Amino acid sequence: PPRGPQRFLAMALSFLQAIMLLLLLTVCGTAANLMLARASARYREMGLRLALGSPRARVARLFLVENLILAFAGALVGLVLAWWGARALAATPLTIGFPFNFDIPLDSTAILFLAALAVLCALACGLAPAMQVARIDPQTALRAGASPDGRSLFRNALMAGQVGLAVVALVAAGLFLRSFLETQS
């Protein structure tokens, strides 16, 4: 087991990973809420597709494919930022009292993990809109002035969860910063 400064650094990195996971969950909740709002805006379009004979599974699959494309585009941007950040960290001189190597390789394992995470996030964000679209009644959707029910219980719970996760992430980041400053002094 690591000792001294290395143990502290390992604990700090684990804590940072937990904060990033909370941030990822918050972003997934935000994306899911936006996708639900987008599905509501496309209510008549989906009703028309269903009225013309498109199977409900195909219409729901449309939302899942859109989410996969968005997730992989975000993963690609994240990969570029990670590559740039790893290069920047490797080039930065360290001012701490012990040697630490920031040479972080972006190998096939990291890329596969990123792809799996993108698929998981796409499914988490796209499942609720796909289920909402699958329940559309084409006759109701095509009526003049028809709109889906207002805010659903799921959307309200999702929004409350987002706020809760954001507060937890902010508190955790503040505690981390405070302990880091105390350790530094």
C-alpha atoms as a PDB file:
ATOM      1  CA  PRO A   1       0.000   0.000   0.000  1.00  0.00           C
ATOM      2  CA  PRO A   2       1.208   3.512  -0.789  1.00  0.00           C
ATOM      3  CA  ARG A   3       2.544   5.585   2.111  1.00  0.00           C
ATOM      4  CA  GLY A   4       2.842   9.244   2.965  1.00  0.00           C
ATOM      5  CA  PRO A   5       2.363  11.711   0.122  1.00  0.00           C
ATOM      6  CA  GLN A   6       1.543   8.983  -2.393  1.00  0.00           C
ATOM      7  CA  ARG A   7      -1.297   7.719  -0.188  1.00  0.00           C
ATOM      8  CA  PHE A   8      -2.672  11.244   0.119  1.00  0.00           C
ATOM      9  CA  LEU A   9      -2.450  11.701  -3.649  1.00  0.00           C
ATOM     10  CA  ALA A  10      -4.206   8.362  -4.246  1.00  0.00           C
ATOM     11  CA  MET A  11      -7.008   9.368  -1.859  1.00  0.00           C
ATOM     12  CA  ALA A  12      -7.284  12.782  -3.511  1.00  0.00           C
ATOM     13  CA  LEU A  13      -7.535  11.223  -6.967  1.00  0.00           C
ATOM     14  CA  SER A  14     -10.206   8.794  -5.746  1.00  0.00           C
ATOM     15  CA  PHE A  15     -12.152  11.711  -4.323  1.00  0.00           C
ATOM     16  CA  LEU A  16     -11.811  13.610  -7.600  1.00  0.00           C
ATOM     17  CA  GLN A  17     -13.109  10.563  -9.467  1.00  0.00           C
ATOM     18  CA  ALA A  18     -16.144  10.465  -7.186  1.00  0.00           C
ATOM     19  CA  ILE A  19     -16.796  14.161  -7.863  1.00  0.00           C
ATOM     20  CA  MET A  20     -16.503  13.541 -11.600  1.00  0.00           C
ATOM     21  CA  LEU A  21     -18.973  10.657 -11.332  1.00  0.00           C
ATOM     22  CA  LEU A  22     -21.446  12.957  -9.566  1.00  0.00           C
ATOM     23  CA  LEU A  23     -20.889  15.523 -12.291  1.00  0.00           C
ATOM     24  CA  LEU A  24     -21.474  12.884 -14.975  1.00  0.00           C
ATOM     25  CA  LEU A  25     -24.716  11.810 -13.303  1.00  0.00           C
ATOM     26  CA  THR A  26     -25.853  15.436 -13.136  1.00  0.00           C
ATOM     27  CA  VAL A  27     -25.070  15.944 -16.813  1.00  0.00           C
ATOM     28  CA  CYS A  28     -26.906  12.720 -17.696  1.00  0.00           C
ATOM     29  CA  GLY A  29     -29.934  13.949 -15.768  1.00  0.00           C
ATOM     30  CA  THR A  30     -29.803  17.289 -17.564  1.00  0.00           C
ATOM     31  CA  ALA A  31     -29.489  15.591 -20.944  1.00  0.00           C
ATOM     32  CA  ALA A  32     -32.374  13.238 -20.149  1.00  0.00           C
ATOM     33  CA  ASN A  33     -34.548  16.184 -19.130  1.00  0.00           C
ATOM     34  CA  LEU A  34     -33.646  18.031 -22.337  1.00  0.00           C
ATOM     35  CA  MET A  35     -34.443  14.932 -24.387  1.00  0.00           C
ATOM     36  CA  LEU A  36     -37.811  14.642 -22.651  1.00  0.00           C
ATOM     37  CA  ALA A  37     -38.542  18.285 -23.487  1.00  0.00           C
ATOM     38  CA  ARG A  38     -37.469  17.677 -27.080  1.00  0.00           C
ATOM     39  CA  ALA A  39     -39.736  14.623 -27.294  1.00  0.00           C
ATOM     40  CA  SER A  40     -42.610  16.791 -26.050  1.00  0.00           C
ATOM     41  CA  ALA A  41     -41.838  19.386 -28.721  1.00  0.00           C
ATOM     42  CA  ARG A  42     -41.916  16.651 -31.385  1.00  0.00           C
ATOM     43  CA  TYR A  43     -45.225  15.268 -30.118  1.00  0.00           C
ATOM     44  CA  ARG A  44     -47.175  15.933 -33.326  1.00  0.00           C
ATOM     45  CA  GLU A  45     -44.361  14.648 -35.545  1.00  0.00           C
ATOM     46  CA  MET A  46     -44.217  11.362 -33.655  1.00  0.00           C
ATOM     47  CA  GLY A  47     -48.017  11.107 -33.754  1.00  0.00           C
ATOM     48  CA  LEU A  48     -47.887  11.552 -37.525  1.00  0.00           C
ATOM     49  CA  ARG A  49     -45.209   8.876 -37.873  1.00  0.00           C
ATOM     50  CA  LEU A  50     -47.327   6.484 -35.822  1.00  0.00           C
ATOM     51  CA  ALA A  51     -50.480   7.362 -37.793  1.00  0.00           C
ATOM     52  CA  LEU A  52     -48.689   6.632 -41.065  1.00  0.00           C
ATOM     53  CA  GLY A  53     -47.923   3.125 -39.820  1.00  0.00           C
ATOM     54  CA  SER A  54     -44.454   3.346 -38.378  1.00  0.00           C
ATOM     55  CA  PRO A  55     -44.046   0.786 -35.585  1.00  0.00           C
ATOM     56  CA  ARG A  56     -43.721   2.173 -32.066  1.00  0.00           C
ATOM     57  CA  ALA A  57     -40.399   0.376 -31.637  1.00  0.00           C
ATOM     58  CA  ARG A  58     -38.951   2.136 -34.681  1.00  0.00           C
ATOM     59  CA  VAL A  59     -40.061   5.562 -33.441  1.00  0.00           C
ATOM     60  CA  ALA A  60     -38.591   4.828 -29.994  1.00  0.00           C
ATOM     61  CA  ARG A  61     -35.392   3.527 -31.624  1.00  0.00           C
ATOM     62  CA  LEU A  62     -35.098   6.883 -33.427  1.00  0.00           C
ATOM     63  CA  PHE A  63     -34.633   8.629 -30.064  1.00  0.00           C
ATOM     64  CA  LEU A  64     -32.104   6.058 -28.897  1.00  0.00           C
ATOM     65  CA  VAL A  65     -30.045   6.446 -32.100  1.00  0.00           C
ATOM     66  CA  GLU A  66     -30.115  10.241 -31.758  1.00  0.00           C
ATOM     67  CA  ASN A  67     -28.834   9.879 -28.198  1.00  0.00           C
ATOM     68  CA  LEU A  68     -26.082   7.487 -29.299  1.00  0.00           C
ATOM     69  CA  ILE A  69     -24.896   9.988 -31.901  1.00  0.00           C
ATOM     70  CA  LEU A  70     -24.885  12.802 -29.331  1.00  0.00           C
ATOM     71  CA  ALA A  71     -23.113  10.620 -26.757  1.00  0.00           C
ATOM     72  CA  PHE A  72     -20.373   9.564 -29.163  1.00  0.00           C
ATOM     73  CA  ALA A  73     -19.882  13.154 -30.320  1.00  0.00           C
ATOM     74  CA  GLY A  74     -19.494  14.180 -26.671  1.00  0.00           C
ATOM     75  CA  ALA A  75     -17.147  11.248 -26.048  1.00  0.00           C
ATOM     76  CA  LEU A  76     -15.003  12.301 -28.994  1.00  0.00           C
ATOM     77  CA  VAL A  77     -14.765  15.861 -27.650  1.00  0.00           C
ATOM     78  CA  GLY A  78     -13.937  14.415 -24.212  1.00  0.00           C
ATOM     79  CA  LEU A  79     -11.220  12.224 -25.719  1.00  0.00           C
ATOM     80  CA  VAL A  80      -9.604  15.204 -27.434  1.00  0.00           C
ATOM     81  CA  LEU A  81      -9.753  17.222 -24.196  1.00  0.00           C
ATOM     82  CA  ALA A  82      -8.307  14.289 -22.219  1.00  0.00           C
ATOM     83  CA  TRP A  83      -5.457  13.902 -24.689  1.00  0.00           C
ATOM     84  CA  TRP A  84      -4.738  17.625 -24.543  1.00  0.00           C
ATOM     85  CA  GLY A  85      -4.999  17.675 -20.725  1.00  0.00           C
ATOM     86  CA  ALA A  86      -2.672  14.666 -20.362  1.00  0.00           C
ATOM     87  CA  ARG A  87      -0.082  16.372 -22.575  1.00  0.00           C
ATOM     88  CA  ALA A  88      -0.413  19.603 -20.585  1.00  0.00           C
ATOM     89  CA  LEU A  89       0.006  17.779 -17.254  1.00  0.00           C
ATOM     90  CA  ALA A  90       3.065  15.908 -18.519  1.00  0.00           C
ATOM     91  CA  ALA A  91       4.664  19.192 -19.610  1.00  0.00           C
ATOM     92  CA  THR A  92       3.886  21.039 -16.365  1.00  0.00           C
ATOM     93  CA  PRO A  93       6.728  21.168 -13.845  1.00  0.00           C
ATOM     94  CA  LEU A  94       5.720  19.900 -10.407  1.00  0.00           C
ATOM     95  CA  THR A  95       6.284  22.040  -7.325  1.00  0.00           C
ATOM     96  CA  ILE A  96       5.490  19.343  -4.768  1.00  0.00           C
ATOM     97  CA  GLY A  97       8.135  17.666  -2.663  1.00  0.00           C
ATOM     98  CA  PHE A  98       7.991  14.166  -4.142  1.00  0.00           C
ATOM     99  CA  PRO A  99       8.288  12.825  -7.674  1.00  0.00           C
ATOM    100  CA  PHE A 100       5.057  12.000  -9.442  1.00  0.00           C
ATOM    101  CA  ASN A 101       4.636  10.985 -13.051  1.00  0.00           C
ATOM    102  CA  PHE A 102       1.639  12.451 -14.856  1.00  0.00           C
ATOM    103  CA  ASP A 103       2.249  10.395 -17.995  1.00  0.00           C
ATOM    104  CA  ILE A 104      -1.315   9.163 -18.534  1.00  0.00           C
ATOM    105  CA  PRO A 105      -1.628   6.936 -21.597  1.00  0.00           C
ATOM    106  CA  LEU A 106      -4.801   7.022 -23.671  1.00  0.00           C
ATOM    107  CA  ASP A 107      -4.613   3.416 -24.793  1.00  0.00           C
ATOM    108  CA  SER A 108      -7.239   1.055 -26.158  1.00  0.00           C
ATOM    109  CA  THR A 109      -8.527   0.243 -22.656  1.00  0.00           C
ATOM    110  CA  ALA A 110      -9.286   3.904 -21.960  1.00  0.00           C
ATOM    111  CA  ILE A 111     -10.961   4.317 -25.341  1.00  0.00           C
ATOM    112  CA  LEU A 112     -13.081   1.184 -24.823  1.00  0.00           C
ATOM    113  CA  PHE A 113     -14.088   2.441 -21.372  1.00  0.00           C
ATOM    114  CA  LEU A 114     -15.032   5.780 -22.918  1.00  0.00           C
ATOM    115  CA  ALA A 115     -17.129   4.046 -25.596  1.00  0.00           C
ATOM    116  CA  ALA A 116     -18.897   1.892 -23.002  1.00  0.00           C
ATOM    117  CA  LEU A 117     -19.568   4.965 -20.874  1.00  0.00           C
ATOM    118  CA  ALA A 118     -20.966   6.798 -23.924  1.00  0.00           C
ATOM    119  CA  VAL A 119     -23.345   3.905 -24.682  1.00  0.00           C
ATOM    120  CA  LEU A 120     -24.423   3.744 -21.035  1.00  0.00           C
ATOM    121  CA  CYS A 121     -25.062   7.499 -20.918  1.00  0.00           C
ATOM    122  CA  ALA A 122     -26.968   7.386 -24.221  1.00  0.00           C
ATOM    123  CA  LEU A 123     -29.205   4.633 -22.901  1.00  0.00           C
ATOM    124  CA  ALA A 124     -29.718   6.425 -19.594  1.00  0.00           C
ATOM    125  CA  CYS A 125     -30.661   9.665 -21.365  1.00  0.00           C
ATOM    126  CA  GLY A 126     -32.645   8.159 -24.211  1.00  0.00           C
ATOM    127  CA  LEU A 127     -34.744   5.541 -22.491  1.00  0.00           C
ATOM    128  CA  ALA A 128     -37.251   7.952 -20.911  1.00  0.00           C
ATOM    129  CA  PRO A 129     -38.018   9.869 -24.160  1.00  0.00           C
ATOM    130  CA  ALA A 130     -38.254   6.584 -26.062  1.00  0.00           C
ATOM    131  CA  MET A 131     -40.773   5.267 -23.542  1.00  0.00           C
ATOM    132  CA  GLN A 132     -42.709   8.553 -23.700  1.00  0.00           C
ATOM    133  CA  VAL A 133     -42.870   8.362 -27.498  1.00  0.00           C
ATOM    134  CA  ALA A 134     -43.976   4.736 -27.404  1.00  0.00           C
ATOM    135  CA  ARG A 135     -47.094   5.761 -25.400  1.00  0.00           C
ATOM    136  CA  ILE A 136     -48.285   8.454 -27.836  1.00  0.00           C
ATOM    137  CA  ASP A 137     -51.817   8.055 -29.152  1.00  0.00           C
ATOM    138  CA  PRO A 138     -51.707   9.139 -32.829  1.00  0.00           C
ATOM    139  CA  GLN A 139     -55.293  10.450 -32.851  1.00  0.00           C
ATOM    140  CA  THR A 140     -54.704  12.674 -29.833  1.00  0.00           C
ATOM    141  CA  ALA A 141     -51.368  13.909 -31.175  1.00  0.00           C
ATOM    142  CA  LEU A 142     -52.838  14.972 -34.520  1.00  0.00           C
ATOM    143  CA  ARG A 143     -55.709  16.993 -33.077  1.00  0.00           C
ATOM    144  CA  ALA A 144     -55.362  20.747 -33.488  1.00  0.00           C
ATOM    145  CA  GLY A 145     -53.818  22.317 -30.425  1.00  0.00           C
ATOM    146  CA  ALA A 146     -52.990  18.961 -28.870  1.00  0.00           C
ATOM    147  CA  SER A 147     -49.939  18.833 -26.693  1.00  0.00           C
ATOM    148  CA  PRO A 148     -48.582  16.236 -24.332  1.00  0.00           C
ATOM    149  CA  ASP A 149     -49.349  16.365 -20.652  1.00  0.00           C
ATOM    150  CA  GLY A 150     -47.426  19.082 -18.836  1.00  0.00           C
ATOM    151  CA  ARG A 151     -44.612  18.085 -16.579  1.00  0.00           C
ATOM    152  CA  SER A 152     -44.656  14.459 -15.723  1.00  0.00           C
ATOM    153  CA  LEU A 153     -43.812  13.048 -12.342  1.00  0.00           C
ATOM    154  CA  PHE A 154     -40.673  11.509 -13.843  1.00  0.00           C
ATOM    155  CA  ARG A 155     -39.458  14.858 -15.187  1.00  0.00           C
ATOM    156  CA  ASN A 156     -40.056  16.507 -11.818  1.00  0.00           C
ATOM    157  CA  ALA A 157     -38.173  13.725 -10.027  1.00  0.00           C
ATOM    158  CA  LEU A 158     -35.371  13.979 -12.572  1.00  0.00           C
ATOM    159  CA  MET A 159     -35.067  17.710 -11.996  1.00  0.00           C
ATOM    160  CA  ALA A 160     -35.045  17.260  -8.215  1.00  0.00           C
ATOM    161  CA  GLY A 161     -32.352  14.595  -8.581  1.00  0.00           C
ATOM    162  CA  GLN A 162     -30.277  16.936 -10.746  1.00  0.00           C
ATOM    163  CA  VAL A 163     -30.423  19.710  -8.171  1.00  0.00           C
ATOM    164  CA  GLY A 164     -29.575  17.279  -5.363  1.00  0.00           C
ATOM    165  CA  LEU A 165     -26.580  15.832  -7.229  1.00  0.00           C
ATOM    166  CA  ALA A 166     -25.345  19.311  -8.128  1.00  0.00           C
ATOM    167  CA  VAL A 167     -25.493  20.399  -4.472  1.00  0.00           C
ATOM    168  CA  VAL A 168     -23.654  17.248  -3.355  1.00  0.00           C
ATOM    169  CA  ALA A 169     -20.987  17.773  -6.039  1.00  0.00           C
ATOM    170  CA  LEU A 170     -20.505  21.416  -5.022  1.00  0.00           C
ATOM    171  CA  VAL A 171     -20.219  20.554  -1.324  1.00  0.00           C
ATOM    172  CA  ALA A 172     -17.761  17.732  -2.068  1.00  0.00           C
ATOM    173  CA  ALA A 173     -15.661  20.001  -4.295  1.00  0.00           C
ATOM    174  CA  GLY A 174     -15.643  22.693  -1.609  1.00  0.00           C
ATOM    175  CA  LEU A 175     -14.553  20.214   1.056  1.00  0.00           C
ATOM    176  CA  PHE A 176     -11.854  18.875  -1.233  1.00  0.00           C
ATOM    177  CA  LEU A 177     -10.547  22.364  -1.944  1.00  0.00           C
ATOM    178  CA  ARG A 178     -10.563  23.246   1.759  1.00  0.00           C
ATOM    179  CA  SER A 179      -8.667  20.090   2.759  1.00  0.00           C
ATOM    180  CA  PHE A 180      -6.221  20.621  -0.099  1.00  0.00           C
ATOM    181  CA  LEU A 181      -5.481  24.193   1.053  1.00  0.00           C
ATOM    182  CA  GLU A 182      -5.060  23.037   4.652  1.00  0.00           C
ATOM    183  CA  THR A 183      -2.707  20.260   3.557  1.00  0.00           C
ATOM    184  CA  GLN A 184      -0.720  22.667   1.439  1.00  0.00           C
ATOM    185  CA  SER A 185      -0.233  25.085   4.327  1.00  0.00           C
END
